[in-house]
Amino acid sequence: MDIIQIVGLGLVATLLVLVLREQRPEMAMMVSLVAGAIILLLVVDRLVAAVQVITEMAVGAGINLTYLQTLLRIVGLAYLAEFGAQVCRDAGEGNIAARIEFAAKVIILVLAVPIIVAVMESILSLIP
């Protein structure tokens, strides 16, 4: 039922933004930002629960938690960068949104280096 609340909030916020954009564009932007923040807060509990389940499974499987933490950071970074880029696009700043996405891709690549190295070492250890 959470999705019904989220969609409802999104639709109401969208209608408000459309009405306010012509008269008070700064208020329209604020409504958009607040709606985005509320939606983010509505899904944080679900996200935390999913991360806990994944962590418990990794511990049970004996997976190195360093790799799991890195993967979760990468996913979090991707979500955060997408959210920031969309806010910039909503404000009409497509160039800034593109730079946020580019920076996120570079940071994700840097964060992934230890995992890439571990995979390469595993492959090399299998080759006689």
N, C-alpha and C. Protein backbone atom coordinates (compact mmCIF):
# COMPACT_ATOMS: atom_id res chain seq x y z
N MET A 1 0.80 -1.19 0.00
CA MET A 1 0.00 0.00 0.00
C MET A 1 0.85 1.27 0.00
N ASP A 2 2.13 1.12 0.31
CA ASP A 2 3.01 2.29 0.31
C ASP A 2 3.06 2.94 -1.07
N ILE A 3 3.03 2.12 -2.10
CA ILE A 3 3.15 2.67 -3.44
C ILE A 3 1.95 3.56 -3.77
N ILE A 4 0.79 3.24 -3.23
CA ILE A 4 -0.38 4.08 -3.47
C ILE A 4 -0.16 5.46 -2.84
N GLN A 5 0.39 5.49 -1.65
CA GLN A 5 0.70 6.77 -1.00
C GLN A 5 1.73 7.55 -1.79
N ILE A 6 2.74 6.85 -2.24
CA ILE A 6 3.82 7.52 -2.98
C ILE A 6 3.31 8.08 -4.30
N VAL A 7 2.54 7.27 -5.03
CA VAL A 7 2.00 7.75 -6.30
C VAL A 7 1.03 8.90 -6.06
N GLY A 8 0.20 8.78 -5.04
CA GLY A 8 -0.73 9.86 -4.72
C GLY A 8 0.00 11.15 -4.38
N LEU A 9 1.02 11.05 -3.55
CA LEU A 9 1.83 12.22 -3.21
C LEU A 9 2.48 12.81 -4.45
N GLY A 10 3.00 11.94 -5.31
CA GLY A 10 3.63 12.41 -6.54
C GLY A 10 2.66 13.12 -7.46
N LEU A 11 1.48 12.59 -7.59
CA LEU A 11 0.48 13.22 -8.46
C LEU A 11 0.02 14.56 -7.90
N VAL A 12 -0.22 14.63 -6.59
CA VAL A 12 -0.64 15.89 -5.97
C VAL A 12 0.48 16.92 -6.11
N ALA A 13 1.71 16.50 -5.85
CA ALA A 13 2.84 17.43 -5.97
C ALA A 13 2.99 17.91 -7.42
N THR A 14 2.80 17.01 -8.36
CA THR A 14 2.91 17.39 -9.76
C THR A 14 1.85 18.43 -10.14
N LEU A 15 0.64 18.20 -9.69
CA LEU A 15 -0.42 19.17 -9.97
C LEU A 15 -0.11 20.53 -9.34
N LEU A 16 0.37 20.51 -8.11
CA LEU A 16 0.74 21.77 -7.46
C LEU A 16 1.86 22.48 -8.22
N VAL A 17 2.84 21.71 -8.65
CA VAL A 17 3.96 22.30 -9.39
C VAL A 17 3.47 22.91 -10.69
N LEU A 18 2.59 22.22 -11.39
CA LEU A 18 2.07 22.76 -12.65
C LEU A 18 1.30 24.05 -12.44
N VAL A 19 0.53 24.12 -11.37
CA VAL A 19 -0.23 25.33 -11.08
C VAL A 19 0.69 26.47 -10.63
N LEU A 20 1.66 26.14 -9.78
CA LEU A 20 2.54 27.17 -9.23
C LEU A 20 3.61 27.65 -10.21
N ARG A 21 3.97 26.82 -11.16
CA ARG A 21 5.09 27.14 -12.05
C ARG A 21 4.86 28.45 -12.81
N GLU A 22 3.65 28.72 -13.19
CA GLU A 22 3.37 29.94 -13.95
C GLU A 22 3.35 31.17 -13.07
N GLN A 23 2.83 31.03 -11.85
CA GLN A 23 2.69 32.18 -10.96
C GLN A 23 3.92 32.41 -10.09
N ARG A 24 4.41 31.33 -9.48
CA ARG A 24 5.54 31.43 -8.55
C ARG A 24 6.51 30.26 -8.79
N PRO A 25 7.39 30.39 -9.75
CA PRO A 25 8.28 29.27 -10.09
C PRO A 25 9.17 28.82 -8.93
N GLU A 26 9.56 29.75 -8.05
CA GLU A 26 10.41 29.36 -6.92
C GLU A 26 9.65 28.46 -5.95
N MET A 27 8.35 28.72 -5.78
CA MET A 27 7.53 27.87 -4.92
C MET A 27 7.32 26.50 -5.57
N ALA A 28 7.19 26.48 -6.87
CA ALA A 28 7.03 25.21 -7.59
C ALA A 28 8.25 24.33 -7.37
N MET A 29 9.42 24.94 -7.43
CA MET A 29 10.65 24.18 -7.21
C MET A 29 10.71 23.64 -5.78
N MET A 30 10.29 24.44 -4.82
CA MET A 30 10.30 24.01 -3.42
C MET A 30 9.32 22.85 -3.20
N VAL A 31 8.15 22.92 -3.81
CA VAL A 31 7.18 21.83 -3.69
C VAL A 31 7.76 20.55 -4.27
N SER A 32 8.43 20.68 -5.40
CA SER A 32 9.05 19.52 -6.04
C SER A 32 10.13 18.91 -5.14
N LEU A 33 10.97 19.74 -4.56
CA LEU A 33 12.03 19.25 -3.68
C LEU A 33 11.46 18.59 -2.43
N VAL A 34 10.47 19.21 -1.82
CA VAL A 34 9.87 18.65 -0.61
C VAL A 34 9.19 17.32 -0.92
N ALA A 35 8.48 17.24 -2.03
CA ALA A 35 7.83 15.99 -2.41
C ALA A 35 8.87 14.89 -2.63
N GLY A 36 9.95 15.23 -3.29
CA GLY A 36 11.02 14.25 -3.50
C GLY A 36 11.62 13.78 -2.19
N ALA A 37 11.84 14.70 -1.27
CA ALA A 37 12.40 14.32 0.03
C ALA A 37 11.44 13.44 0.82
N ILE A 38 10.16 13.76 0.78
CA ILE A 38 9.17 12.95 1.50
C ILE A 38 9.11 11.55 0.91
N ILE A 39 9.11 11.45 -0.40
CA ILE A 39 9.08 10.14 -1.05
C ILE A 39 10.33 9.34 -0.66
N LEU A 40 11.47 10.01 -0.63
CA LEU A 40 12.71 9.34 -0.23
C LEU A 40 12.60 8.82 1.20
N LEU A 41 12.05 9.63 2.09
CA LEU A 41 11.89 9.21 3.48
C LEU A 41 10.90 8.04 3.62
N LEU A 42 9.90 7.99 2.75
CA LEU A 42 8.93 6.90 2.81
C LEU A 42 9.54 5.55 2.43
N VAL A 43 10.57 5.55 1.62
CA VAL A 43 11.17 4.28 1.20
C VAL A 43 12.44 3.90 1.95
N VAL A 44 12.93 4.79 2.80
CA VAL A 44 14.18 4.51 3.51
C VAL A 44 14.04 3.28 4.40
N ASP A 45 12.92 3.12 5.10
CA ASP A 45 12.74 1.96 5.97
C ASP A 45 12.82 0.65 5.18
N ARG A 46 12.20 0.64 4.03
CA ARG A 46 12.25 -0.56 3.19
C ARG A 46 13.67 -0.84 2.71
N LEU A 47 14.37 0.22 2.38
CA LEU A 47 15.75 0.07 1.92
C LEU A 47 16.65 -0.48 3.03
N VAL A 48 16.47 0.04 4.23
CA VAL A 48 17.26 -0.43 5.38
C VAL A 48 16.98 -1.91 5.63
N ALA A 49 15.73 -2.31 5.56
CA ALA A 49 15.36 -3.71 5.77
C ALA A 49 16.01 -4.61 4.71
N ALA A 50 16.01 -4.16 3.47
CA ALA A 50 16.61 -4.95 2.39
C ALA A 50 18.12 -5.10 2.60
N VAL A 51 18.77 -4.03 3.02
CA VAL A 51 20.21 -4.09 3.27
C VAL A 51 20.51 -5.04 4.43
N GLN A 52 19.69 -5.04 5.46
CA GLN A 52 19.90 -5.96 6.58
C GLN A 52 19.76 -7.41 6.15
N VAL A 53 18.77 -7.70 5.33
CA VAL A 53 18.58 -9.07 4.84
C VAL A 53 19.78 -9.50 3.99
N ILE A 54 20.22 -8.62 3.11
CA ILE A 54 21.37 -8.95 2.25
C ILE A 54 22.62 -9.17 3.10
N THR A 55 22.82 -8.34 4.11
CA THR A 55 23.98 -8.48 4.99
C THR A 55 23.94 -9.80 5.75
N GLU A 56 22.77 -10.15 6.27
CA GLU A 56 22.63 -11.43 6.98
C GLU A 56 22.92 -12.60 6.06
N MET A 57 22.44 -12.54 4.83
CA MET A 57 22.71 -13.62 3.88
C MET A 57 24.19 -13.71 3.56
N ALA A 58 24.85 -12.57 3.42
CA ALA A 58 26.28 -12.56 3.11
C ALA A 58 27.08 -13.15 4.26
N VAL A 59 26.72 -12.78 5.48
CA VAL A 59 27.41 -13.33 6.65
C VAL A 59 27.21 -14.84 6.70
N GLY A 60 25.98 -15.30 6.47
CA GLY A 60 25.69 -16.73 6.47
C GLY A 60 26.44 -17.49 5.39
N ALA A 61 26.66 -16.84 4.25
CA ALA A 61 27.36 -17.49 3.14
C ALA A 61 28.87 -17.36 3.26
N GLY A 62 29.33 -16.59 4.24
CA GLY A 62 30.77 -16.43 4.43
C GLY A 62 31.41 -15.48 3.42
N ILE A 63 30.64 -14.58 2.87
CA ILE A 63 31.17 -13.61 1.90
C ILE A 63 31.85 -12.48 2.66
N ASN A 64 32.96 -12.04 2.14
CA ASN A 64 33.69 -10.93 2.74
C ASN A 64 32.81 -9.67 2.74
N LEU A 65 32.57 -9.13 3.92
CA LEU A 65 31.67 -7.98 4.03
C LEU A 65 32.24 -6.71 3.39
N THR A 66 33.53 -6.67 3.18
CA THR A 66 34.13 -5.51 2.52
C THR A 66 33.57 -5.36 1.11
N TYR A 67 33.44 -6.48 0.41
CA TYR A 67 32.90 -6.42 -0.95
C TYR A 67 31.42 -6.04 -0.93
N LEU A 68 30.69 -6.57 0.02
CA LEU A 68 29.27 -6.23 0.12
C LEU A 68 29.10 -4.75 0.45
N GLN A 69 29.89 -4.23 1.37
CA GLN A 69 29.82 -2.81 1.70
C GLN A 69 30.13 -1.94 0.49
N THR A 70 31.12 -2.35 -0.28
CA THR A 70 31.47 -1.60 -1.48
C THR A 70 30.32 -1.61 -2.48
N LEU A 71 29.71 -2.76 -2.68
CA LEU A 71 28.58 -2.85 -3.60
C LEU A 71 27.41 -2.00 -3.13
N LEU A 72 27.13 -2.02 -1.84
CA LEU A 72 26.04 -1.21 -1.31
C LEU A 72 26.34 0.28 -1.43
N ARG A 73 27.60 0.66 -1.25
CA ARG A 73 27.98 2.06 -1.44
C ARG A 73 27.77 2.48 -2.90
N ILE A 74 28.13 1.60 -3.80
CA ILE A 74 27.96 1.89 -5.23
C ILE A 74 26.49 2.07 -5.57
N VAL A 75 25.65 1.17 -5.06
CA VAL A 75 24.21 1.28 -5.33
C VAL A 75 23.66 2.57 -4.71
N GLY A 76 24.05 2.87 -3.48
CA GLY A 76 23.59 4.10 -2.83
C GLY A 76 24.04 5.34 -3.58
N LEU A 77 25.27 5.33 -4.03
CA LEU A 77 25.80 6.45 -4.80
C LEU A 77 25.01 6.63 -6.10
N ALA A 78 24.71 5.53 -6.75
CA ALA A 78 23.94 5.61 -8.01
C ALA A 78 22.55 6.19 -7.76
N TYR A 79 21.88 5.74 -6.70
CA TYR A 79 20.55 6.28 -6.38
C TYR A 79 20.63 7.76 -6.04
N LEU A 80 21.60 8.12 -5.24
CA LEU A 80 21.75 9.52 -4.83
C LEU A 80 22.07 10.42 -6.02
N ALA A 81 22.96 9.96 -6.89
CA ALA A 81 23.32 10.75 -8.07
C ALA A 81 22.12 10.90 -9.00
N GLU A 82 21.34 9.83 -9.16
CA GLU A 82 20.16 9.90 -10.01
C GLU A 82 19.15 10.90 -9.43
N PHE A 83 18.96 10.86 -8.13
CA PHE A 83 18.04 11.79 -7.47
C PHE A 83 18.50 13.23 -7.67
N GLY A 84 19.78 13.49 -7.44
CA GLY A 84 20.31 14.84 -7.62
C GLY A 84 20.23 15.30 -9.07
N ALA A 85 20.52 14.42 -9.99
CA ALA A 85 20.45 14.78 -11.41
C ALA A 85 19.02 15.10 -11.82
N GLN A 86 18.07 14.33 -11.32
CA GLN A 86 16.67 14.60 -11.66
C GLN A 86 16.20 15.93 -11.09
N VAL A 87 16.66 16.27 -9.89
CA VAL A 87 16.31 17.57 -9.31
C VAL A 87 16.87 18.68 -10.19
N CYS A 88 18.10 18.51 -10.66
CA CYS A 88 18.70 19.52 -11.54
C CYS A 88 17.92 19.63 -12.86
N ARG A 89 17.52 18.48 -13.41
CA ARG A 89 16.75 18.51 -14.64
C ARG A 89 15.40 19.20 -14.43
N ASP A 90 14.78 18.93 -13.28
CA ASP A 90 13.51 19.59 -12.98
C ASP A 90 13.67 21.11 -12.91
N ALA A 91 14.84 21.55 -12.48
CA ALA A 91 15.11 22.99 -12.39
C ALA A 91 15.58 23.55 -13.72
N GLY A 92 15.65 22.72 -14.75
CA GLY A 92 16.05 23.18 -16.07
C GLY A 92 17.55 23.22 -16.27
N GLU A 93 18.29 22.56 -15.40
CA GLU A 93 19.75 22.55 -15.48
C GLU A 93 20.26 21.19 -15.93
N GLY A 94 20.03 20.89 -17.20
CA GLY A 94 20.45 19.61 -17.75
C GLY A 94 21.95 19.43 -17.76
N ASN A 95 22.71 20.51 -17.96
CA ASN A 95 24.17 20.41 -17.98
C ASN A 95 24.71 20.00 -16.62
N ILE A 96 24.18 20.59 -15.56
CA ILE A 96 24.63 20.22 -14.22
C ILE A 96 24.25 18.78 -13.93
N ALA A 97 23.06 18.36 -14.34
CA ALA A 97 22.63 16.98 -14.15
C ALA A 97 23.59 16.01 -14.84
N ALA A 98 24.00 16.35 -16.04
CA ALA A 98 24.95 15.49 -16.78
C ALA A 98 26.28 15.41 -16.06
N ARG A 99 26.73 16.51 -15.47
CA ARG A 99 28.01 16.50 -14.74
C ARG A 99 27.91 15.68 -13.46
N ILE A 100 26.75 15.74 -12.79
CA ILE A 100 26.55 14.91 -11.60
C ILE A 100 26.62 13.44 -11.98
N GLU A 101 25.96 13.07 -13.07
CA GLU A 101 25.97 11.69 -13.52
C GLU A 101 27.38 11.24 -13.91
N PHE A 102 28.13 12.12 -14.59
CA PHE A 102 29.50 11.77 -14.96
C PHE A 102 30.37 11.57 -13.72
N ALA A 103 30.25 12.49 -12.76
CA ALA A 103 31.04 12.37 -11.54
C ALA A 103 30.69 11.07 -10.80
N ALA A 104 29.42 10.73 -10.77
CA ALA A 104 29.01 9.50 -10.10
C ALA A 104 29.61 8.28 -10.79
N LYS A 105 29.66 8.29 -12.10
CA LYS A 105 30.24 7.17 -12.83
C LYS A 105 31.73 7.02 -12.53
N VAL A 106 32.43 8.14 -12.44
CA VAL A 106 33.86 8.09 -12.12
C VAL A 106 34.06 7.54 -10.71
N ILE A 107 33.26 8.04 -9.76
CA ILE A 107 33.40 7.59 -8.37
C ILE A 107 33.04 6.11 -8.26
N ILE A 108 32.02 5.66 -8.99
CA ILE A 108 31.66 4.24 -8.98
C ILE A 108 32.81 3.40 -9.52
N LEU A 109 33.45 3.86 -10.58
CA LEU A 109 34.60 3.13 -11.12
C LEU A 109 35.71 3.03 -10.07
N VAL A 110 35.98 4.13 -9.39
CA VAL A 110 37.03 4.12 -8.37
C VAL A 110 36.66 3.17 -7.23
N LEU A 111 35.40 3.20 -6.80
CA LEU A 111 34.97 2.31 -5.72
C LEU A 111 35.02 0.84 -6.14
N ALA A 112 34.83 0.57 -7.42
CA ALA A 112 34.79 -0.81 -7.91
C ALA A 112 36.18 -1.42 -8.11
N VAL A 113 37.22 -0.61 -8.07
CA VAL A 113 38.58 -1.12 -8.33
C VAL A 113 38.94 -2.30 -7.43
N PRO A 114 38.72 -2.25 -6.11
CA PRO A 114 39.08 -3.42 -5.29
C PRO A 114 38.33 -4.69 -5.69
N ILE A 115 37.09 -4.56 -6.10
CA ILE A 115 36.33 -5.73 -6.51
C ILE A 115 36.87 -6.26 -7.84
N ILE A 116 37.19 -5.37 -8.75
CA ILE A 116 37.76 -5.78 -10.04
C ILE A 116 39.08 -6.49 -9.83
N VAL A 117 39.92 -5.95 -8.94
CA VAL A 117 41.22 -6.57 -8.64
C VAL A 117 41.01 -7.96 -8.04
N ALA A 118 40.06 -8.11 -7.12
CA ALA A 118 39.80 -9.41 -6.50
C ALA A 118 39.32 -10.42 -7.54
N VAL A 119 38.46 -9.99 -8.45
CA VAL A 119 37.99 -10.90 -9.50
C VAL A 119 39.15 -11.31 -10.40
N MET A 120 39.99 -10.35 -10.77
CA MET A 120 41.15 -10.68 -11.63
C MET A 120 42.11 -11.64 -10.91
N GLU A 121 42.34 -11.41 -9.63
CA GLU A 121 43.21 -12.31 -8.88
C GLU A 121 42.63 -13.72 -8.81
N SER A 122 41.32 -13.81 -8.65
CA SER A 122 40.66 -15.12 -8.62
C SER A 122 40.80 -15.83 -9.95
N ILE A 123 40.62 -15.09 -11.03
CA ILE A 123 40.76 -15.67 -12.36
C ILE A 123 42.19 -16.13 -12.59
N LEU A 124 43.15 -15.29 -12.22
CA LEU A 124 44.56 -15.65 -12.42
C LEU A 124 44.96 -16.85 -11.57
N SER A 125 44.36 -17.01 -10.41
CA SER A 125 44.69 -18.17 -9.57
C SER A 125 44.15 -19.46 -10.16
N LEU A 126 43.12 -19.37 -11.00
CA LEU A 126 42.56 -20.56 -11.65
C LEU A 126 43.35 -20.99 -12.88
N ILE A 127 44.09 -20.05 -13.45
CA ILE A 127 44.87 -20.35 -14.65
C ILE A 127 46.18 -21.01 -14.22
N PRO A 128 46.48 -22.20 -14.79
CA PRO A 128 47.71 -22.89 -14.38
C PRO A 128 48.98 -22.22 -14.89
